[in-house]
C-alpha atoms as a PDB file:
ATOM      1  CA  MET A   1     258.946  71.401 120.546  1.00  0.00           C
ATOM      2  CA  THR A   2     257.629  68.072 120.014  1.00  0.00           C
ATOM      3  CA  SER A   3     255.706  67.023 117.022  1.00  0.00           C
ATOM      4  CA  SER A   4     252.418  66.779 118.830  1.00  0.00           C
ATOM      5  CA  THR A   5     252.915  69.906 120.931  1.00  0.00           C
ATOM      6  CA  TRP A   6     253.435  71.511 117.578  1.00  0.00           C
ATOM      7  CA  LYS A   7     250.660  70.427 116.206  1.00  0.00           C
ATOM      8  CA  THR A   8     248.130  71.500 118.762  1.00  0.00           C
ATOM      9  CA  ALA A   9     250.053  75.261 119.151  1.00  0.00           C
ATOM     10  CA  SER A  10     248.998  75.507 115.090  1.00  0.00           C
ATOM     11  CA  SER A  11     245.791  73.893 115.453  1.00  0.00           C
ATOM     12  CA  LEU A  12     244.836  76.351 118.227  1.00  0.00           C
ATOM     13  CA  VAL A  13     246.247  79.150 115.740  1.00  0.00           C
ATOM     14  CA  LEU A  14     243.859  77.847 113.301  1.00  0.00           C
ATOM     15  CA  ILE A  15     240.863  77.585 115.164  1.00  0.00           C
ATOM     16  CA  SER A  16     241.264  81.143 116.668  1.00  0.00           C
ATOM     17  CA  ARG A  17     240.891  82.601 112.643  1.00  0.00           C
ATOM     18  CA  PRO A  18     243.889  84.383 112.292  1.00  0.00           C
ATOM     19  CA  ALA A  19     241.940  86.643 109.394  1.00  0.00           C
ATOM     20  CA  VAL A  20     240.423  87.824 111.981  1.00  0.00           C
ATOM     21  CA  TRP A  21     242.702  89.096 114.635  1.00  0.00           C
ATOM     22  CA  PHE A  22     242.946  92.344 113.516  1.00  0.00           C
ATOM     23  CA  ILE A  23     239.529  93.329 113.970  1.00  0.00           C
ATOM     24  CA  LEU A  24     238.781  94.026 117.469  1.00  0.00           C
ATOM     25  CA  PRO A  25     241.884  95.432 118.677  1.00  0.00           C
ATOM     26  CA  ALA A  26     241.344  98.054 115.509  1.00  0.00           C
ATOM     27  CA  VAL A  27     237.981  98.842 116.736  1.00  0.00           C
ATOM     28  CA  PHE A  28     239.328  99.402 120.399  1.00  0.00           C
ATOM     29  CA  PHE A  29     242.829 101.350 119.330  1.00  0.00           C
ATOM     30  CA  ALA A  30     240.789 103.530 117.009  1.00  0.00           C
ATOM     31  CA  ALA A  31     238.027 104.451 120.114  1.00  0.00           C
ATOM     32  CA  ALA A  32     241.126 104.682 122.496  1.00  0.00           C
ATOM     33  CA  TRP A  33     243.082 106.986 120.486  1.00  0.00           C
ATOM     34  CA  PHE A  34     239.715 109.239 119.741  1.00  0.00           C
ATOM     35  CA  SER A  35     238.860 109.326 123.329  1.00  0.00           C
ATOM     36  CA  LEU A  36     242.484 110.271 124.070  1.00  0.00           C
ATOM     37  CA  GLY A  37     242.829 112.765 121.357  1.00  0.00           C
ATOM     38  CA  ALA A  38     246.753 111.729 120.725  1.00  0.00           C
ATOM     39  CA  ALA A  39     248.875 108.776 119.174  1.00  0.00           C
ATOM     40  CA  TYR A  40     250.052 107.872 122.526  1.00  0.00           C
ATOM     41  CA  TYR A  41     248.870 104.652 124.434  1.00  0.00           C
ATOM     42  CA  PRO A  42     249.454 103.870 127.852  1.00  0.00           C
ATOM     43  CA  VAL A  43     251.068 100.507 128.407  1.00  0.00           C
ATOM     44  CA  GLN A  44     247.632  99.129 129.910  1.00  0.00           C
ATOM     45  CA  THR A  45     245.970  99.874 126.681  1.00  0.00           C
ATOM     46  CA  VAL A  46     248.575  98.156 124.970  1.00  0.00           C
ATOM     47  CA  LEU A  47     248.376  95.324 126.786  1.00  0.00           C
ATOM     48  CA  ILE A  48     244.440  94.852 125.696  1.00  0.00           C
ATOM     49  CA  ALA A  49     244.609  95.225 122.394  1.00  0.00           C
ATOM     50  CA  LEU A  50     247.523  92.764 122.574  1.00  0.00           C
ATOM     51  CA  ALA A  51     244.495  90.133 124.564  1.00  0.00           C
ATOM     52  CA  LEU A  52     241.860  91.215 121.685  1.00  0.00           C
ATOM     53  CA  THR A  53     243.815  89.516 119.422  1.00  0.00           C
ATOM     54  CA  PHE A  54     244.942  85.720 119.717  1.00  0.00           C
ATOM     55  CA  PRO A  55     243.679  85.207 123.010  1.00  0.00           C
ATOM     56  CA  MET A  56     239.974  86.748 122.530  1.00  0.00           C
ATOM     57  CA  SER A  57     239.492  85.051 119.335  1.00  0.00           C
ATOM     58  CA  LEU A  58     240.515  81.731 120.437  1.00  0.00           C
ATOM     59  CA  HIS A  59     237.939  82.510 123.450  1.00  0.00           C
ATOM     60  CA  GLY A  60     235.236  82.786 120.944  1.00  0.00           C
ATOM     61  CA  TYR A  61     236.034  80.521 118.191  1.00  0.00           C
ATOM     62  CA  GLY A  62     237.010  77.769 120.715  1.00  0.00           C
ATOM     63  CA  LEU A  63     234.154  77.446 122.446  1.00  0.00           C
ATOM     64  CA  ASN A  64     231.999  77.898 119.225  1.00  0.00           C
ATOM     65  CA  ASP A  65     234.017  74.675 117.481  1.00  0.00           C
ATOM     66  CA  ILE A  66     233.552  72.802 120.369  1.00  0.00           C
ATOM     67  CA  TYR A  67     229.414  73.189 120.809  1.00  0.00           C
ATOM     68  CA  ASP A  68     228.938  73.548 116.958  1.00  0.00           C
ATOM     69  CA  LEU A  69     230.986  70.209 116.500  1.00  0.00           C
ATOM     70  CA  ALA A  70     228.049  67.743 115.635  1.00  0.00           C
ATOM     71  CA  SER A  71     226.466  70.476 113.128  1.00  0.00           C
ATOM     72  CA  ASP A  72     229.868  71.019 111.368  1.00  0.00           C
ATOM     73  CA  ARG A  73     230.034  66.853 111.124  1.00  0.00           C
ATOM     74  CA  ALA A  74     227.317  67.079 108.843  1.00  0.00           C
ATOM     75  CA  ASN A  75     228.044  70.227 107.086  1.00  0.00           C
ATOM     76  CA  PRO A  76     230.546  69.947 104.056  1.00  0.00           C
ATOM     77  CA  ARG A  77     231.748  73.474 104.217  1.00  0.00           C
ATOM     78  CA  LYS A  78     233.171  73.211 107.701  1.00  0.00           C
ATOM     79  CA  THR A  79     236.839  72.310 108.314  1.00  0.00           C
ATOM     80  CA  ILE A  80     236.723  69.884 111.267  1.00  0.00           C
ATOM     81  CA  ARG A  81     240.049  70.584 113.990  1.00  0.00           C
ATOM     82  CA  ILE A  82     238.783  69.164 116.925  1.00  0.00           C
ATOM     83  CA  GLN A  83     239.142  65.663 116.428  1.00  0.00           C
ATOM     84  CA  SER A  84     238.749  63.704 119.694  1.00  0.00           C
ATOM     85  CA  GLU A  85     237.468  64.486 123.482  1.00  0.00           C
ATOM     86  CA  LYS A  86     240.978  65.108 124.183  1.00  0.00           C
ATOM     87  CA  ASP A  87     241.310  67.806 121.315  1.00  0.00           C
ATOM     88  CA  ALA A  88     238.394  69.392 122.966  1.00  0.00           C
ATOM     89  CA  ARG A  89     239.153  69.266 126.405  1.00  0.00           C
ATOM     90  CA  ILE A  90     242.654  71.103 125.083  1.00  0.00           C
ATOM     91  CA  VAL A  91     240.569  73.958 123.049  1.00  0.00           C
ATOM     92  CA  ALA A  92     238.372  74.310 125.965  1.00  0.00           C
ATOM     93  CA  ILE A  93     241.013  75.017 128.570  1.00  0.00           C
ATOM     94  CA  ALA A  94     242.885  77.240 125.995  1.00  0.00           C
ATOM     95  CA  ALA A  95     239.624  79.223 125.130  1.00  0.00           C
ATOM     96  CA  HIS A  96     238.714  79.679 129.002  1.00  0.00           C
ATOM     97  CA  LEU A  97     242.195  80.912 129.403  1.00  0.00           C
ATOM     98  CA  GLY A  98     242.199  83.284 126.541  1.00  0.00           C
ATOM     99  CA  GLY A  99     239.105  84.749 128.328  1.00  0.00           C
ATOM    100  CA  LEU A 100     241.210  85.393 131.587  1.00  0.00           C
ATOM    101  CA  ILE A 101     243.694  87.127 129.550  1.00  0.00           C
ATOM    102  CA  VAL A 102     241.396  89.658 128.208  1.00  0.00           C
ATOM    103  CA  LEU A 103     240.044  90.135 131.752  1.00  0.00           C
ATOM    104  CA  ALA A 104     243.224  90.326 133.006  1.00  0.00           C
ATOM    105  CA  ALA A 105     244.358  93.066 130.818  1.00  0.00           C
ATOM    106  CA  ALA A 106     241.595  95.162 131.730  1.00  0.00           C
ATOM    107  CA  ALA A 107     241.875  94.699 135.223  1.00  0.00           C
ATOM    108  CA  THR A 108     245.749  96.333 134.644  1.00  0.00           C
ATOM    109  CA  THR A 109     243.929  99.805 134.207  1.00  0.00           C
ATOM    110  CA  LEU A 110     242.333  99.597 137.808  1.00  0.00           C
ATOM    111  CA  GLU A 111     239.239 101.247 136.314  1.00  0.00           C
ATOM    112  CA  PRO A 112     235.876  99.925 137.098  1.00  0.00           C
ATOM    113  CA  ILE A 113     234.144 100.824 133.878  1.00  0.00           C
ATOM    114  CA  PRO A 114     236.755  99.309 131.484  1.00  0.00           C
ATOM    115  CA  ILE A 115     236.876  96.113 133.714  1.00  0.00           C
ATOM    116  CA  LEU A 116     233.296  95.577 133.716  1.00  0.00           C
ATOM    117  CA  ILE A 117     233.207  96.195 129.855  1.00  0.00           C
ATOM    118  CA  SER A 118     235.813  93.536 129.448  1.00  0.00           C
ATOM    119  CA  ILE A 119     233.641  90.936 131.616  1.00  0.00           C
ATOM    120  CA  GLY A 120     230.876  91.789 129.503  1.00  0.00           C
ATOM    121  CA  LEU A 121     233.002  90.962 126.280  1.00  0.00           C
ATOM    122  CA  VAL A 122     233.781  87.831 127.641  1.00  0.00           C
ATOM    123  CA  ALA A 123     230.161  86.616 128.676  1.00  0.00           C
ATOM    124  CA  VAL A 124     228.865  87.306 125.343  1.00  0.00           C
ATOM    125  CA  SER A 125     231.041  84.904 123.996  1.00  0.00           C
ATOM    126  CA  TYR A 126     229.939  82.479 126.317  1.00  0.00           C
ATOM    127  CA  ALA A 127     226.265  83.519 125.827  1.00  0.00           C
ATOM    128  CA  TYR A 128     226.617  83.349 122.305  1.00  0.00           C
ATOM    129  CA  SER A 129     228.114  79.680 122.035  1.00  0.00           C
ATOM    130  CA  MET A 130     227.362  77.908 125.604  1.00  0.00           C
ATOM    131  CA  PRO A 131     224.036  76.210 126.449  1.00  0.00           C
ATOM    132  CA  PRO A 132     221.544  76.983 127.767  1.00  0.00           C
ATOM    133  CA  ILE A 133     221.571  80.364 126.215  1.00  0.00           C
ATOM    134  CA  ARG A 134     223.818  79.526 122.682  1.00  0.00           C
ATOM    135  CA  LEU A 135     222.365  82.473 120.876  1.00  0.00           C
ATOM    136  CA  ARG A 136     224.313  81.040 118.237  1.00  0.00           C
ATOM    137  CA  VAL A 137     221.415  79.210 117.362  1.00  0.00           C
ATOM    138  CA  ARG A 138     218.679  81.978 118.157  1.00  0.00           C
ATOM    139  CA  PRO A 139     218.315  84.108 115.102  1.00  0.00           C
ATOM    140  CA  PRO A 140     217.921  87.426 115.020  1.00  0.00           C
ATOM    141  CA  PHE A 141     219.764  87.203 118.571  1.00  0.00           C
ATOM    142  CA  ASP A 142     223.031  85.757 116.907  1.00  0.00           C
ATOM    143  CA  SER A 143     223.441  89.083 114.816  1.00  0.00           C
ATOM    144  CA  LEU A 144     222.574  91.145 117.301  1.00  0.00           C
ATOM    145  CA  THR A 145     225.230  89.701 119.475  1.00  0.00           C
ATOM    146  CA  ASN A 146     227.969  89.870 116.895  1.00  0.00           C
ATOM    147  CA  GLY A 147     227.281  93.545 116.634  1.00  0.00           C
ATOM    148  CA  ILE A 148     227.642  93.974 120.246  1.00  0.00           C
ATOM    149  CA  GLY A 149     230.486  92.128 120.605  1.00  0.00           C
ATOM    150  CA  TYR A 150     232.537  92.592 117.203  1.00  0.00           C
ATOM    151  CA  PHE A 151     232.160  96.304 117.534  1.00  0.00           C
ATOM    152  CA  LEU A 152     230.229  98.050 120.311  1.00  0.00           C
ATOM    153  CA  LEU A 153     231.780  96.461 123.628  1.00  0.00           C
ATOM    154  CA  PRO A 154     235.380  96.495 122.262  1.00  0.00           C
ATOM    155  CA  ALA A 155     234.785 100.218 121.070  1.00  0.00           C
ATOM    156  CA  THR A 156     233.304 101.214 124.472  1.00  0.00           C
ATOM    157  CA  LEU A 157     236.476  99.565 126.186  1.00  0.00           C
ATOM    158  CA  GLY A 158     238.780 101.734 124.152  1.00  0.00           C
ATOM    159  CA  TRP A 159     236.703 104.776 124.813  1.00  0.00           C
ATOM    160  CA  THR A 160     236.058 104.520 128.351  1.00  0.00           C
ATOM    161  CA  LEU A 161     239.831 104.373 128.788  1.00  0.00           C
ATOM    162  CA  HIS A 162     239.992 108.323 129.025  1.00  0.00           C
ATOM    163  CA  ARG A 163     236.213 109.277 128.523  1.00  0.00           C
ATOM    164  CA  PRO A 164     232.857 108.385 130.228  1.00  0.00           C
ATOM    165  CA  ILE A 165     230.565 106.137 128.911  1.00  0.00           C
ATOM    166  CA  SER A 166     227.941 108.759 128.588  1.00  0.00           C
ATOM    167  CA  GLN A 167     229.908 110.129 126.195  1.00  0.00           C
ATOM    168  CA  LEU A 168     230.143 107.482 123.579  1.00  0.00           C
ATOM    169  CA  PRO A 169     229.782 109.181 120.174  1.00  0.00           C
ATOM    170  CA  ILE A 170     226.347 107.735 118.288  1.00  0.00           C
ATOM    171  CA  ASP A 171     228.659 106.573 115.474  1.00  0.00           C
ATOM    172  CA  VAL A 172     229.410 103.781 117.633  1.00  0.00           C
ATOM    173  CA  TYR A 173     226.092 102.291 118.078  1.00  0.00           C
ATOM    174  CA  ALA A 174     225.707 102.956 114.325  1.00  0.00           C
ATOM    175  CA  ILE A 175     228.257 100.683 112.831  1.00  0.00           C
ATOM    176  CA  ALA A 176     227.687  98.028 115.693  1.00  0.00           C
ATOM    177  CA  ILE A 177     224.106  98.177 114.389  1.00  0.00           C
ATOM    178  CA  ALA A 178     225.523  97.591 110.639  1.00  0.00           C
ATOM    179  CA  VAL A 179     227.686  94.819 111.897  1.00  0.00           C
ATOM    180  CA  SER A 180     224.813  93.053 113.050  1.00  0.00           C
ATOM    181  CA  GLY A 181     223.157  93.516 109.547  1.00  0.00           C
ATOM    182  CA  ILE A 182     226.381  92.151 107.987  1.00  0.00           C
ATOM    183  CA  HIS A 183     226.196  88.953 109.817  1.00  0.00           C
ATOM    184  CA  SER A 184     222.914  88.260 109.169  1.00  0.00           C
ATOM    185  CA  PHE A 185     223.811  88.804 105.386  1.00  0.00           C
ATOM    186  CA  ALA A 186     226.723  86.678 105.656  1.00  0.00           C
ATOM    187  CA  SER A 187     224.392  83.614 106.585  1.00  0.00           C
ATOM    188  CA  ILE A 188     223.076  83.644 103.002  1.00  0.00           C
ATOM    189  CA  MET A 189     225.697  82.189 101.298  1.00  0.00           C
ATOM    190  CA  ASP A 190     225.911  79.517 103.262  1.00  0.00           C
ATOM    191  CA  TYR A 191     222.156  78.755 102.697  1.00  0.00           C
ATOM    192  CA  THR A 192     222.315  75.447 100.990  1.00  0.00           C
ATOM    193  CA  PRO A 193     225.028  73.392 103.253  1.00  0.00           C
ATOM    194  CA  ASP A 194     223.595  74.993 106.757  1.00  0.00           C
ATOM    195  CA  HIS A 195     220.087  73.783 105.760  1.00  0.00           C
ATOM    196  CA  ALA A 196     221.274  70.321 104.892  1.00  0.00           C
ATOM    197  CA  ALA A 197     223.327  70.056 108.169  1.00  0.00           C
ATOM    198  CA  GLY A 198     220.331  71.442 109.993  1.00  0.00           C
ATOM    199  CA  ASP A 199     222.210  74.561 111.084  1.00  0.00           C
ATOM    200  CA  ARG A 200     220.204  77.354 112.515  1.00  0.00           C
ATOM    201  CA  THR A 201     221.190  80.545 111.099  1.00  0.00           C
ATOM    202  CA  ALA A 202     219.110  83.804 109.742  1.00  0.00           C
ATOM    203  CA  ALA A 203     218.854  82.495 106.236  1.00  0.00           C
ATOM    204  CA  THR A 204     217.855  78.842 107.776  1.00  0.00           C
ATOM    205  CA  VAL A 205     215.174  80.368 110.159  1.00  0.00           C
ATOM    206  CA  TYR A 206     213.648  83.171 108.055  1.00  0.00           C
ATOM    207  CA  GLY A 207     214.965  82.442 104.669  1.00  0.00           C
ATOM    208  CA  LYS A 208     217.184  84.085 102.465  1.00  0.00           C
ATOM    209  CA  ARG A 209     215.203  86.972 101.933  1.00  0.00           C
ATOM    210  CA  GLY A 210     214.440  87.366 105.819  1.00  0.00           C
ATOM    211  CA  ALA A 211     218.169  87.651 106.198  1.00  0.00           C
ATOM    212  CA  ALA A 212     218.756  90.404 103.495  1.00  0.00           C
ATOM    213  CA  LEU A 213     215.649  92.226 105.072  1.00  0.00           C
ATOM    214  CA  PHE A 214     216.979  92.128 108.454  1.00  0.00           C
ATOM    215  CA  CYS A 215     220.150  93.330 107.014  1.00  0.00           C
ATOM    216  CA  LEU A 216     218.411  95.858 104.974  1.00  0.00           C
ATOM    217  CA  ALA A 217     216.612  97.211 108.481  1.00  0.00           C
ATOM    218  CA  SER A 218     220.104  97.496 109.946  1.00  0.00           C
ATOM    219  CA  MET A 219     221.619  99.295 106.833  1.00  0.00           C
ATOM    220  CA  ILE A 220     219.044 101.931 106.934  1.00  0.00           C
ATOM    221  CA  GLY A 221     219.107 102.444 111.025  1.00  0.00           C
ATOM    222  CA  CYS A 222     223.111 102.986 110.182  1.00  0.00           C
ATOM    223  CA  TYR A 223     222.444 105.543 107.527  1.00  0.00           C
ATOM    224  CA  LEU A 224     219.876 107.326 109.875  1.00  0.00           C
ATOM    225  CA  LEU A 225     222.489 107.637 112.737  1.00  0.00           C
ATOM    226  CA  LEU A 226     225.516 107.959 110.665  1.00  0.00           C
ATOM    227  CA  PRO A 227     224.858 109.097 106.877  1.00  0.00           C
ATOM    228  CA  PHE A 228     228.003 107.817 104.807  1.00  0.00           C
ATOM    229  CA  TRP A 229     228.661 105.469 102.077  1.00  0.00           C
ATOM    230  CA  TYR A 230     229.048 102.149 103.660  1.00  0.00           C
ATOM    231  CA  PRO A 231     225.801 101.780 104.922  1.00  0.00           C
ATOM    232  CA  ILE A 232     224.288 102.960 101.300  1.00  0.00           C
ATOM    233  CA  VAL A 233     226.687 100.121 100.065  1.00  0.00           C
ATOM    234  CA  GLY A 234     224.674  97.607 102.261  1.00  0.00           C
ATOM    235  CA  ILE A 235     221.200  99.054 101.424  1.00  0.00           C
ATOM    236  CA  GLY A 236     221.972  98.289  97.457  1.00  0.00           C
ATOM    237  CA  LEU A 237     222.947  94.533  98.558  1.00  0.00           C
ATOM    238  CA  SER A 238     220.637  94.300 100.750  1.00  0.00           C
ATOM    239  CA  ALA A 239     218.030  95.476  98.061  1.00  0.00           C
ATOM    240  CA  LEU A 240     219.832  92.984  95.417  1.00  0.00           C
ATOM    241  CA  ILE A 241     219.520  90.177  97.401  1.00  0.00           C
ATOM    242  CA  LEU A 242     215.632  90.480  98.109  1.00  0.00           C
ATOM    243  CA  ILE A 243     215.263  90.395  94.354  1.00  0.00           C
ATOM    244  CA  TYR A 244     217.379  88.007  93.860  1.00  0.00           C
ATOM    245  CA  PRO A 245     218.550  85.615  96.679  1.00  0.00           C
ATOM    246  CA  ASN A 246     221.458  83.998  94.920  1.00  0.00           C
ATOM    247  CA  GLU A 247     223.696  82.522  97.295  1.00  0.00           C
ATOM    248  CA  ARG A 248     227.105  83.042  94.869  1.00  0.00           C
ATOM    249  CA  LEU A 249     225.957  86.906  94.895  1.00  0.00           C
ATOM    250  CA  ALA A 250     225.525  86.468  98.272  1.00  0.00           C
ATOM    251  CA  ARG A 251     229.181  85.459  99.171  1.00  0.00           C
ATOM    252  CA  PHE A 252     230.410  88.102  96.794  1.00  0.00           C
ATOM    253  CA  GLY A 253     228.413  90.822  98.473  1.00  0.00           C
ATOM    254  CA  THR A 254     229.663  89.289 102.144  1.00  0.00           C
ATOM    255  CA  TYR A 255     233.529  89.669 100.707  1.00  0.00           C
ATOM    256  CA  LEU A 256     232.791  93.096  99.703  1.00  0.00           C
ATOM    257  CA  PHE A 257     231.430  94.150 103.094  1.00  0.00           C
ATOM    258  CA  TYR A 258     234.644  92.671 104.649  1.00  0.00           C
ATOM    259  CA  LEU A 259     236.843  94.271 102.164  1.00  0.00           C
ATOM    260  CA  THR A 260     235.402  97.351 102.635  1.00  0.00           C
ATOM    261  CA  PHE A 261     235.876  97.398 106.489  1.00  0.00           C
ATOM    262  CA  VAL A 262     239.397  96.677 105.889  1.00  0.00           C
ATOM    263  CA  ALA A 263     239.640  99.860 103.668  1.00  0.00           C
ATOM    264  CA  ILE A 264     237.661 101.998 106.326  1.00  0.00           C
ATOM    265  CA  MET A 265     239.973 100.640 109.226  1.00  0.00           C
ATOM    266  CA  ILE A 266     242.878 101.619 106.687  1.00  0.00           C
ATOM    267  CA  ALA A 267     241.809 105.145 105.965  1.00  0.00           C
ATOM    268  CA  TYR A 268     240.759 105.713 109.699  1.00  0.00           C
ATOM    269  CA  TYR A 269     244.548 104.754 110.789  1.00  0.00           C
ATOM    270  CA  TYR A 270     245.922 106.978 108.459  1.00  0.00           C
ATOM    271  CA  PHE A 271     243.957 109.836 109.267  1.00  0.00           C
ATOM    272  CA  LEU A 272     244.844 109.064 113.190  1.00  0.00           C
ATOM    273  CA  PHE A 273     248.749 108.840 112.099  1.00  0.00           C
ATOM    274  CA  SER A 274     249.085 111.730 109.884  1.00  0.00           C
ATOM    275  CA  HIS A 275     247.327 113.917 113.066  1.00  0.00           C
ATOM    276  CA  ARG A 276     244.112 115.163 111.405  1.00  0.00           C
ATOM    277  CA  GLY A 277     241.274 116.448 113.776  1.00  0.00           C
ATOM    278  CA  ASN A 278     237.980 114.046 112.692  1.00  0.00           C
ATOM    279  CA  PRO A 279     235.136 113.195 114.159  1.00  0.00           C
ATOM    280  CA  PHE A 280     235.227 109.759 115.258  1.00  0.00           C
ATOM    281  CA  TRP A 281     234.537 107.988 112.107  1.00  0.00           C
ATOM    282  CA  ALA A 282     236.727 109.926 109.957  1.00  0.00           C
ATOM    283  CA  PRO A 283     236.070 107.725 106.967  1.00  0.00           C
ATOM    284  CA  GLY A 284     232.717 109.102 106.857  1.00  0.00           C
ATOM    285  CA  ALA A 285     234.288 112.418 106.646  1.00  0.00           C
ATOM    286  CA  LEU A 286     236.686 111.310 104.228  1.00  0.00           C
ATOM    287  CA  PHE A 287     234.232 110.115 101.594  1.00  0.00           C
ATOM    288  CA  THR A 288     231.066 112.167 102.233  1.00  0.00           C
ATOM    289  CA  ARG A 289     232.982 116.128 102.239  1.00  0.00           C
END
């Protein structure tokens, strides 16, 4: 591998945000396991989970970085990895291929509903980043899109491999609502650089308290559908920012959201591989009963 090829490959990996590769397959696998009722996965399930790691992340973040390039250059907190038109073309081709890999993996199921959901997942990514829709700069649709793309669709994709979509647990909708709120909350910590760069986020459009209020409403909605400790944490953090809209405090809250989500997924998979019978969102039962 030449140095230029290695540089391109490593750049694509960094653009795909390796730290979040696990999120989509973790959500997908959890739903697939519960719908199947066993720890055994057909090969098609494994292929989809693999496609939801690097390929799907590159698809989403690659498109996002291409169309955010102008505002990213004006934003001191952003790392610019697309330095030329050639770089942009390479990232665009790789991003489109990533989406095609997801569709191809879903097609191996030969099931129409999972295939349609995978099309929806890829389409949401295009709608989020690409003009003319570009929901990325249209709060609160940016936050709602994240709830749909990061939780609702991957969970539904896993579920419908073995059960009808009409039986999808209400827990999935509840967590998707919470994820939308977290996205809005996360925009608060970068209010100052985003505002200076003219970037449109929930915090810059509606103010720090407006973004926190959206998160508060989302967490209350989540708790009404799924009463466990996670939305309670979200309600408390949102209320705190409403009183004291501090960016450093919001950064701490965002990291807390992320780390507790990781803890939930670890706990959930512990239950799965311990072969215990639990409701779909087992950590809720784990910490409330």
